[in-house]
Amino acid sequence: MKKSLLVCSLVAIIGAAPAYADTFSVNVGAIGVMPSDSSSNLPVIESIAGFETGSTGVTVDNNTQLGITIDYKMTNNWTLELVAATPFSHEIHGTGVLAGMKIGETKHLPPTLLAQYHFDIGSENVKPFVGFGLNYTTFFEDNVSNELVSTLGALGVATADDHVDLALSDSFGYALQAGLNWKLTDEWGVHVMVSKMDIDTDADVRLNGTTIESVAVEIDPTVAMVGVRYTF
């Protein structure tokens, strides 16, 4: 329901706003993804290894990449922003009794479309804004670690002839944003933003193509960017 309301709101803004301010801006800089993750436990490993129920989990580390965002100014107050970046790379580690153990690694792209409202504070050079929108995250190049493969072998789950792999499901959720554009010249400026994104995925450990363990991970990262802004 929340996602449907966000879609309707974005469509309403786009449809209602007269595109008289045909201005494009590009922001380029460092963008970081900092997960505030939580996950379900790993019941199969807990059962086989004799661990206490709920004593395992996973966590995802931070990563910084090159961020590129494109702004389309529709009115004096409303702007559409598309957030993109070079692929983020994350290592997945165990928590609880598996703390320190590398589970695997993945890459992802989280294209995000936001509607921004820019506040008029009496200055044409400084424009604070807030935004809301939709995020789609696709995961790829998912790989299990040799440490996990060795652990599964030691537990008698897999042999040297078995193929173990990792697959993360794509995610669709909301995004909230706050930031500031600081105009230095007619063309150049500084762009700063912080976003909170709803990213949930199911990480499946598969043995010869069959899922033997599935972990629900709520990544829900804070995404921050500082960059150079150029207005056409």
Protein backbone atom coordinates (compact mmCIF):
# COMPACT_ATOMS: atom_id res chain seq x y z
CA MET A 1 0.00 0.00 0.00
CA LYS A 2 2.82 2.46 0.88
CA LYS A 3 4.53 1.79 -2.44
CA SER A 4 1.27 2.30 -4.37
CA LEU A 5 0.69 5.65 -2.66
CA LEU A 6 4.24 6.76 -3.50
CA VAL A 7 3.76 5.82 -7.15
CA CYS A 8 0.47 7.75 -7.34
CA SER A 9 2.03 10.78 -5.64
CA LEU A 10 4.97 10.87 -8.05
CA VAL A 11 2.67 10.56 -11.06
CA ALA A 12 0.44 13.35 -9.72
CA ILE A 13 3.38 15.70 -9.24
CA ILE A 14 4.75 15.00 -12.71
CA GLY A 15 1.36 15.44 -14.34
CA ALA A 16 0.43 18.61 -12.47
CA ALA A 17 3.70 20.49 -12.75
CA PRO A 18 4.11 22.76 -15.80
CA ALA A 19 7.54 22.14 -17.32
CA TYR A 20 8.31 25.83 -17.82
CA ALA A 21 11.69 25.73 -16.09
CA ASP A 22 13.45 23.50 -18.57
CA THR A 23 16.66 23.23 -16.55
CA PHE A 24 18.87 20.17 -16.17
CA SER A 25 21.62 19.74 -13.60
CA VAL A 26 24.13 16.94 -13.12
CA ASN A 27 25.73 16.13 -9.78
CA VAL A 28 28.89 14.03 -9.66
CA GLY A 29 30.75 12.98 -6.52
CA ALA A 30 31.33 10.37 -3.85
CA ILE A 31 28.26 8.41 -2.76
CA GLY A 32 28.30 6.01 0.17
CA VAL A 33 25.93 3.21 1.16
CA MET A 34 25.89 2.50 4.90
CA PRO A 35 23.56 -0.39 5.78
CA SER A 36 21.69 -0.39 9.08
CA ASP A 37 20.88 -4.03 8.49
CA SER A 38 19.15 -6.79 10.36
CA SER A 39 18.45 -10.34 9.27
CA SER A 40 16.70 -13.56 10.10
CA ASN A 41 18.72 -16.42 11.53
CA LEU A 42 20.22 -19.41 9.68
CA PRO A 43 18.14 -22.32 11.01
CA VAL A 44 19.75 -25.07 8.89
CA ILE A 45 23.28 -24.24 10.02
CA GLU A 46 22.07 -23.81 13.61
CA SER A 47 20.41 -27.22 13.54
CA ILE A 48 23.29 -29.11 11.94
CA ALA A 49 26.01 -27.40 14.01
CA GLY A 50 24.03 -27.61 17.25
CA PHE A 51 23.92 -23.85 17.76
CA GLU A 52 21.22 -22.21 19.86
CA THR A 53 18.18 -21.12 17.82
CA GLY A 54 18.47 -17.47 16.82
CA SER A 55 22.21 -17.33 17.51
CA THR A 56 23.18 -16.66 13.88
CA GLY A 57 22.61 -13.89 11.35
CA VAL A 58 24.32 -11.86 8.66
CA THR A 59 25.47 -8.28 8.16
CA VAL A 60 26.51 -6.21 5.12
CA ASP A 61 29.48 -3.82 5.09
CA ASN A 62 29.66 -0.20 3.83
CA ASN A 63 30.82 0.85 0.37
CA THR A 64 31.53 4.12 -1.47
CA GLN A 65 31.36 4.61 -5.22
CA LEU A 66 31.09 7.34 -7.86
CA GLY A 67 27.63 8.85 -7.72
CA ILE A 68 25.88 10.52 -10.65
CA THR A 69 22.50 12.19 -10.17
CA ILE A 70 20.46 14.05 -12.76
CA ASP A 71 17.99 16.79 -11.80
CA TYR A 72 15.13 18.10 -13.90
CA LYS A 73 13.65 21.32 -12.52
CA MET A 74 9.91 21.39 -13.24
CA THR A 75 8.94 24.48 -11.23
CA ASN A 76 10.66 26.85 -8.80
CA ASN A 77 9.95 24.37 -6.01
CA TRP A 78 9.64 20.93 -7.58
CA THR A 79 12.47 18.91 -9.12
CA LEU A 80 12.77 15.30 -10.26
CA GLU A 81 16.05 13.59 -9.42
CA LEU A 82 17.39 10.29 -10.74
CA VAL A 83 20.11 8.79 -8.53
CA ALA A 84 22.65 6.45 -10.14
CA ALA A 85 26.15 5.21 -9.33
CA THR A 86 28.85 2.80 -10.34
CA PRO A 87 28.09 -0.67 -8.90
CA PHE A 88 28.39 -1.00 -5.14
CA SER A 89 30.34 -3.97 -3.79
CA HIS A 90 29.55 -5.48 -0.39
CA GLU A 91 30.91 -8.29 1.71
CA ILE A 92 28.41 -10.34 3.71
CA HIS A 93 29.58 -11.57 7.11
CA GLY A 94 28.07 -13.70 9.82
CA THR A 95 26.88 -12.36 13.17
CA GLY A 96 26.30 -14.01 16.54
CA VAL A 97 28.21 -17.28 16.80
CA LEU A 98 29.26 -16.78 13.16
CA ALA A 99 30.77 -13.35 13.85
CA GLY A 100 33.80 -12.69 11.68
CA MET A 101 32.98 -15.41 9.18
CA LYS A 102 32.71 -14.23 5.58
CA ILE A 103 29.54 -15.60 3.99
CA GLY A 104 30.01 -14.13 0.54
CA GLU A 105 29.94 -10.97 -1.52
CA THR A 106 27.63 -9.21 -3.93
CA LYS A 107 27.31 -6.17 -6.14
CA HIS A 108 24.23 -4.04 -6.61
CA LEU A 109 22.82 -1.05 -8.46
CA PRO A 110 20.10 0.98 -6.71
CA PRO A 111 18.57 3.41 -9.27
CA THR A 112 16.24 5.76 -7.41
CA LEU A 113 13.71 8.32 -8.68
CA LEU A 114 12.74 11.10 -6.28
CA ALA A 115 10.45 14.10 -6.31
CA GLN A 116 12.16 16.95 -4.45
CA TYR A 117 10.60 20.02 -2.87
CA HIS A 118 13.03 22.94 -2.73
CA PHE A 119 12.43 25.52 0.00
CA ASP A 120 12.56 29.25 -0.63
CA ILE A 121 14.71 30.74 2.15
CA GLY A 122 15.23 34.10 0.47
CA SER A 123 18.44 33.13 -1.32
CA GLU A 124 18.91 32.07 -4.92
CA ASN A 125 22.28 30.54 -4.08
CA VAL A 126 21.30 28.18 -1.26
CA LYS A 127 18.40 25.80 -1.78
CA PRO A 128 17.62 23.16 0.89
CA PHE A 129 15.29 20.37 -0.19
CA VAL A 130 13.50 17.23 0.88
CA GLY A 131 12.50 14.37 -1.38
CA PHE A 132 10.52 11.16 -1.53
CA GLY A 133 10.46 8.46 -4.15
CA LEU A 134 11.05 4.90 -5.21
CA ASN A 135 14.11 2.70 -5.20
CA TYR A 136 14.79 -0.42 -7.24
CA THR A 137 17.85 -2.45 -6.27
CA THR A 138 19.19 -5.25 -8.42
CA PHE A 139 21.87 -7.60 -7.10
CA PHE A 140 24.40 -9.42 -9.27
CA GLU A 141 27.74 -11.24 -9.13
CA ASP A 142 26.68 -12.96 -5.92
CA ASN A 143 29.43 -15.30 -4.69
CA VAL A 144 29.87 -17.52 -1.65
CA SER A 145 33.15 -17.41 0.24
CA ASN A 146 35.61 -20.28 0.44
CA GLU A 147 35.16 -20.07 4.21
CA LEU A 148 31.44 -20.85 3.93
CA VAL A 149 32.12 -23.71 1.50
CA SER A 150 34.68 -25.16 3.90
CA THR A 151 32.26 -24.83 6.82
CA LEU A 152 29.49 -26.62 4.90
CA GLY A 153 31.98 -29.35 4.06
CA ALA A 154 33.04 -29.71 7.70
CA LEU A 155 29.37 -29.98 8.72
CA GLY A 156 28.80 -32.72 6.15
CA VAL A 157 26.37 -30.60 4.12
CA ALA A 158 28.50 -30.39 0.98
CA THR A 159 31.34 -32.35 -0.62
CA ALA A 160 34.17 -31.25 -2.87
CA ASP A 161 32.10 -32.31 -5.90
CA ASP A 162 29.12 -30.13 -4.97
CA HIS A 163 28.51 -26.63 -6.33
CA VAL A 164 27.61 -24.00 -3.72
CA ASP A 165 26.41 -20.58 -4.81
CA LEU A 166 24.61 -17.50 -3.49
CA ALA A 167 21.62 -15.64 -4.94
CA LEU A 168 20.09 -12.37 -3.68
CA SER A 169 16.63 -11.29 -4.76
CA ASP A 170 15.99 -7.81 -6.16
CA SER A 171 14.25 -5.18 -4.04
CA PHE A 172 11.64 -2.45 -4.56
CA GLY A 173 10.89 0.12 -1.87
CA TYR A 174 10.61 3.75 -0.81
CA ALA A 175 13.31 6.39 -0.48
CA LEU A 176 13.37 9.55 1.65
CA GLN A 177 15.87 12.36 1.16
CA ALA A 178 17.11 15.69 2.50
CA GLY A 179 19.85 17.87 1.10
CA LEU A 180 21.21 21.18 -0.07
CA ASN A 181 22.26 22.76 -3.36
CA TRP A 182 24.76 25.60 -3.05
CA LYS A 183 25.16 27.73 -6.16
CA LEU A 184 28.69 29.11 -6.68
CA THR A 185 28.30 30.50 -10.23
CA ASP A 186 25.55 30.37 -12.84
CA GLU A 187 26.73 26.91 -13.85
CA TRP A 188 28.75 25.45 -10.96
CA GLY A 189 27.77 24.52 -7.44
CA VAL A 190 27.87 21.94 -4.65
CA HIS A 191 25.34 19.18 -4.07
CA VAL A 192 24.90 17.46 -0.68
CA MET A 193 22.25 14.90 0.15
CA VAL A 194 21.37 12.14 2.61
CA SER A 195 18.78 9.47 1.83
CA LYS A 196 17.17 6.60 3.68
CA MET A 197 16.25 3.68 1.44
CA ASP A 198 14.05 0.66 2.01
CA ILE A 199 16.06 -2.29 0.62
CA ASP A 200 15.06 -5.84 1.59
CA THR A 201 16.41 -9.01 0.02
CA ASP A 202 16.35 -12.78 0.45
CA ALA A 203 19.83 -14.31 0.34
CA ASP A 204 19.66 -17.97 -0.73
CA VAL A 205 22.56 -20.37 -0.29
CA ARG A 206 22.14 -23.04 -2.96
CA LEU A 207 23.65 -26.50 -3.23
CA ASN A 208 23.69 -27.85 -6.79
CA GLY A 209 20.91 -25.40 -7.68
CA THR A 210 18.69 -26.22 -4.67
CA THR A 211 18.25 -23.68 -1.85
CA ILE A 212 19.48 -25.14 1.43
CA GLU A 213 19.41 -21.93 3.51
CA SER A 214 17.52 -18.68 3.04
CA VAL A 215 18.09 -15.51 5.02
CA ALA A 216 15.81 -12.45 4.91
CA VAL A 217 17.99 -9.34 5.13
CA GLU A 218 16.70 -5.81 5.74
CA ILE A 219 19.59 -3.68 4.49
CA ASP A 220 17.77 -0.31 4.78
CA PRO A 221 20.88 1.82 4.20
CA THR A 222 21.63 5.46 4.76
CA VAL A 223 22.95 6.83 1.47
CA ALA A 224 25.02 10.04 1.54
CA MET A 225 26.55 12.02 -1.32
CA VAL A 226 28.79 15.08 -1.69
CA GLY A 227 29.44 16.24 -5.22
CA VAL A 228 30.03 18.94 -7.76
CA ARG A 229 26.93 20.35 -9.45
CA TYR A 230 26.74 21.63 -13.02
CA THR A 231 23.60 23.32 -14.38
CA PHE A 232 23.01 23.52 -18.12
